[in-house]
């Protein structure tokens, strides 16, 4: 059974930084695409970043490019999202997700999901 256990998040002032972690089990982590999505209240879940297996390709949403960094530790089965220069509009629940094959940025293409962690950025 696949489990994605998230940690990190919290409340931060605008301009600050946070790091999210997602520890995976029950899958061959290095073979999976790992992604991060977020969902703000009343809005659809949106793509944030993804790292293909072994980190060969990395993708970012335009809204976070240059501020967020996705990385993965295949030995430790963990994916990270380092968030810097946070803005109030980054406030959302953040989810990590896994899929065996990269099929774009649609959340429907991901098979496994973490439970989410809240990030709140105050102005």
Protein backbone atom coordinates (compact mmCIF):
# COMPACT_ATOMS: atom_id res chain seq x y z
CA UNK A 1 0.00 0.00 0.00
CA UNK A 2 1.31 3.40 -0.99
CA UNK A 3 1.62 6.11 1.63
CA UNK A 4 2.70 9.69 1.13
CA UNK A 5 3.29 11.38 4.48
CA UNK A 6 3.68 15.13 4.41
CA UNK A 7 5.33 17.44 6.89
CA UNK A 8 6.20 21.10 7.05
CA UNK A 9 3.96 24.01 6.31
CA UNK A 10 2.54 26.53 8.72
CA UNK A 11 2.23 30.28 9.02
CA UNK A 12 4.84 32.63 7.60
CA UNK A 13 5.06 36.30 6.76
CA UNK A 14 5.24 37.47 3.19
CA UNK A 15 8.77 37.17 1.88
CA UNK A 16 9.54 34.26 4.16
CA UNK A 17 10.43 30.67 3.43
CA UNK A 18 9.10 27.24 4.21
CA UNK A 19 10.05 23.71 3.28
CA UNK A 20 7.57 20.93 2.72
CA UNK A 21 8.54 17.28 2.84
CA UNK A 22 6.78 14.18 1.56
CA UNK A 23 8.01 10.75 2.58
CA UNK A 24 6.84 7.90 0.36
CA UNK A 25 6.50 4.21 1.06
CA UNK A 26 4.98 1.26 -0.75
CA UNK A 27 6.33 2.22 -4.16
CA UNK A 28 9.60 2.20 -6.06
CA UNK A 29 10.22 5.84 -5.34
CA UNK A 30 13.02 6.44 -7.83
CA UNK A 31 10.77 5.23 -10.66
CA UNK A 32 7.92 7.61 -9.89
CA UNK A 33 7.21 11.16 -10.91
CA UNK A 34 6.65 13.21 -7.77
CA UNK A 35 4.58 16.33 -7.89
CA UNK A 36 3.29 19.11 -5.69
CA UNK A 37 -0.12 20.68 -6.06
CA UNK A 38 -2.00 23.27 -4.07
CA UNK A 39 -5.59 24.20 -3.49
CA UNK A 40 -6.77 27.49 -2.10
CA UNK A 41 -10.26 27.85 -0.61
CA UNK A 42 -12.88 27.98 -3.33
CA UNK A 43 -10.38 27.25 -6.06
CA UNK A 44 -9.40 24.22 -8.07
CA UNK A 45 -6.35 22.18 -7.26
CA UNK A 46 -3.45 23.51 -9.28
CA UNK A 47 -0.07 22.23 -10.33
CA UNK A 48 2.96 23.64 -8.54
CA UNK A 49 5.97 21.52 -9.48
CA UNK A 50 7.03 18.04 -10.54
CA UNK A 51 10.20 16.02 -10.67
CA UNK A 52 10.41 13.04 -12.96
CA UNK A 53 12.02 9.82 -11.87
CA UNK A 54 15.63 10.31 -10.77
CA UNK A 55 15.07 14.05 -11.14
CA UNK A 56 15.79 14.03 -14.83
CA UNK A 57 13.18 16.65 -15.67
CA UNK A 58 11.67 19.30 -13.45
CA UNK A 59 8.62 21.40 -14.14
CA UNK A 60 7.22 24.46 -12.39
CA UNK A 61 4.09 26.50 -12.63
CA UNK A 62 4.84 29.98 -13.90
CA UNK A 63 3.49 31.44 -10.68
CA UNK A 64 6.21 29.82 -8.57
CA UNK A 65 9.12 29.67 -10.98
CA UNK A 66 12.21 31.25 -9.47
CA UNK A 67 10.78 31.10 -5.94
CA UNK A 68 10.06 27.42 -5.33
CA UNK A 69 12.42 24.48 -5.75
CA UNK A 70 11.43 20.84 -5.93
CA UNK A 71 14.04 18.24 -5.06
CA UNK A 72 14.08 14.58 -4.26
CA UNK A 73 16.16 12.18 -2.22
CA UNK A 74 15.73 8.83 -3.89
CA UNK A 75 17.74 7.06 -1.21
CA UNK A 76 15.44 8.44 1.45
CA UNK A 77 12.23 8.17 -0.59
CA UNK A 78 11.44 11.81 0.06
CA UNK A 79 10.50 14.76 -2.10
CA UNK A 80 10.82 18.34 -0.93
CA UNK A 81 9.38 21.67 -1.90
CA UNK A 82 11.49 24.61 -0.81
CA UNK A 83 9.41 27.77 -0.96
CA UNK A 84 11.01 31.19 -0.80
CA UNK A 85 9.75 34.69 -1.41
CA UNK A 86 6.32 33.58 -0.27
CA UNK A 87 3.36 35.75 -1.15
CA UNK A 88 -0.14 35.88 0.35
CA UNK A 89 -1.46 34.34 -2.87
CA UNK A 90 0.62 31.23 -2.12
CA UNK A 91 -1.73 30.51 0.78
CA UNK A 92 -3.27 27.09 0.18
CA UNK A 93 -3.31 23.47 1.17
CA UNK A 94 -0.33 21.80 -0.46
CA UNK A 95 -0.40 18.19 -1.59
CA UNK A 96 2.32 15.86 -2.77
CA UNK A 97 1.42 13.28 -5.37
CA UNK A 98 2.97 10.40 -7.26
CA UNK A 99 2.49 8.90 -10.68
CA UNK A 100 4.49 6.29 -12.59
CA UNK A 101 4.48 8.31 -15.81
CA UNK A 102 4.55 12.05 -16.41
CA UNK A 103 1.42 13.00 -18.33
CA UNK A 104 1.42 16.72 -17.85
CA UNK A 105 0.18 19.00 -15.11
CA UNK A 106 -3.34 17.76 -14.60
CA UNK A 107 -4.00 16.48 -11.11
CA UNK A 108 -6.08 13.64 -12.58
CA UNK A 109 -2.89 12.10 -13.94
CA UNK A 110 -1.54 11.39 -10.46
CA UNK A 111 -2.38 8.12 -8.75
CA UNK A 112 -1.36 8.66 -5.13
CA UNK A 113 -1.80 11.64 -2.85
CA UNK A 114 -0.65 12.90 0.51
CA UNK A 115 -3.20 14.29 2.94
CA UNK A 116 -2.14 17.86 2.45
CA UNK A 117 -0.50 20.46 4.61
CA UNK A 118 -1.59 24.02 5.12
CA UNK A 119 0.56 26.98 4.18
CA UNK A 120 -0.59 30.44 5.22
CA UNK A 121 1.27 33.55 4.16
CA UNK A 122 0.37 36.73 5.97
CA UNK A 123 0.83 40.16 4.41
